[in-house]
Every structure is written in structure tokens, then in C-alpha cells.
Protein backbone atom coordinates (compact mmCIF):
# COMPACT_ATOMS: atom_id res chain seq x y z
CA MET A 1 60.73 -2.11 20.58
CA THR A 2 59.46 1.03 22.22
CA MET A 3 56.09 1.00 23.85
CA VAL A 4 54.07 4.15 24.17
CA ALA A 5 51.43 4.32 26.83
CA ALA A 6 47.98 5.53 25.85
CA PRO A 7 47.05 8.85 27.39
CA CYS A 8 45.03 8.47 30.51
CA ARG A 9 41.71 10.33 30.57
CA SER A 10 40.76 12.22 33.65
CA SER A 11 37.27 11.96 35.09
CA ALA A 12 36.58 15.53 33.88
CA GLN A 13 37.33 14.51 30.28
CA THR A 14 35.18 11.40 30.57
CA GLY A 15 32.31 13.42 32.02
CA ALA A 16 32.61 15.97 29.23
CA SER A 17 32.45 13.33 26.52
CA SER A 18 29.50 11.71 28.31
CA ALA A 19 27.72 15.07 28.41
CA ASP A 20 28.45 15.57 24.71
CA ALA A 21 26.99 12.16 23.92
CA SER A 22 23.89 12.90 26.00
CA SER A 23 23.46 16.21 24.26
CA THR A 24 23.78 14.59 20.84
CA VAL A 25 21.26 11.87 21.73
CA GLY A 26 18.85 14.51 23.00
CA LEU A 27 19.25 16.57 19.84
CA ILE A 28 18.64 13.57 17.60
CA SER A 29 15.62 12.62 19.69
CA ARG A 30 14.14 16.11 19.39
CA GLU A 31 14.78 16.21 15.64
CA ARG A 32 12.98 12.87 15.21
CA ARG A 33 9.97 14.13 17.19
CA ASP A 34 9.88 17.36 15.17
CA HIS A 35 10.12 15.41 11.92
CA ALA A 36 7.36 13.01 12.98
CA ALA A 37 5.13 15.97 13.89
CA ALA A 38 5.81 17.60 10.52
CA LEU A 39 4.94 14.35 8.73
CA ARG A 40 1.67 14.08 10.66
CA ALA A 41 0.79 17.68 9.80
CA GLN A 42 1.53 17.02 6.13
CA GLU A 43 -0.64 13.87 6.16
CA VAL A 44 -3.52 15.83 7.71
CA ALA A 45 -3.16 18.57 5.07
CA GLU A 46 -3.16 15.98 2.27
CA ALA A 47 -6.24 14.27 3.73
CA GLU A 48 -8.07 17.62 3.91
CA THR A 49 -7.17 18.39 0.29
CA ALA A 50 -8.34 14.95 -0.86
CA GLU A 51 -11.65 15.39 0.98
CA ARG A 52 -12.19 18.86 -0.55
CA LEU A 53 -11.52 17.45 -4.02
CA ARG A 54 -13.98 14.61 -3.42
CA ILE A 55 -16.67 17.05 -2.31
CA ALA A 56 -15.98 19.34 -5.28
CA ARG A 57 -16.31 16.44 -7.73
CA GLU A 58 -19.54 15.31 -6.12
CA LEU A 59 -21.01 18.83 -6.28
CA TYR A 60 -19.95 19.14 -9.91
CA ASP A 61 -21.59 15.81 -10.77
CA MET A 62 -24.80 16.83 -9.02
CA GLY A 63 -24.87 20.15 -10.87
CA ALA A 64 -24.19 18.52 -14.22
CA HIS A 65 -26.93 15.96 -13.59
CA SER A 66 -29.40 18.70 -12.67
CA VAL A 67 -28.61 20.69 -15.82
CA GLY A 68 -29.04 17.53 -17.89
CA ILE A 69 -32.47 16.91 -16.37
CA ILE A 70 -33.48 20.51 -17.04
CA ALA A 71 -32.41 20.16 -20.69
CA ILE A 72 -34.42 16.94 -21.08
CA GLN A 73 -37.49 18.49 -19.46
CA ALA A 74 -37.19 21.56 -21.71
CA GLY A 75 -37.01 19.31 -24.79
CA VAL A 76 -40.05 17.34 -23.70
CA GLY A 77 -41.87 20.57 -22.87
CA SER A 78 -41.30 21.97 -26.36
CA ARG A 79 -42.70 18.73 -27.88
CA VAL A 80 -45.77 18.93 -25.65
CA ILE A 81 -46.36 22.53 -26.76
CA GLN A 82 -46.01 21.57 -30.45
CA THR A 83 -48.68 18.81 -30.21
């Protein structure tokens, strides 16, 4: 049986692979931070949109209620004039 020795790595090769690993970890870390920031920005935008829709609905309801009251008062006014 023939045995083949595994290649021996020099300290320069080990340092290079360590630097590559550090670089990769740093890149992944930065990408996670950027993604988290983008998610927060999206959540803020969605919250703003929801609040604007809520305000718009409330204003619409108030306007519709006011127009309804005006119509009722006009109807009562015409009856008062007729009597």
C-alpha cells in the first residue's frame, strides 16, 4: 500500500484563508445590517400608508355624515315652509 502525505500548508496560505474567511464574515454581516435597515424602512413606509388611509376614511365618514345632516335639515326645512 502506498501512502501519500497531505500537502503541508504554509503560514502564508493559512493567513490568506483566514483573511478570506474574515472578509466573508464581514460581508455577510454588512448584508444582514443592510437588509435589516431596508426592512425597517419598509415597515415605516407601510405604517405611514396605513395611517394616511385611516385618516382619509375618517375624513370621508365625517364629510358623508355632514352631507346627510344637511339633507335631513333641508327636508325638514321644506316641511316647515309648507305648513
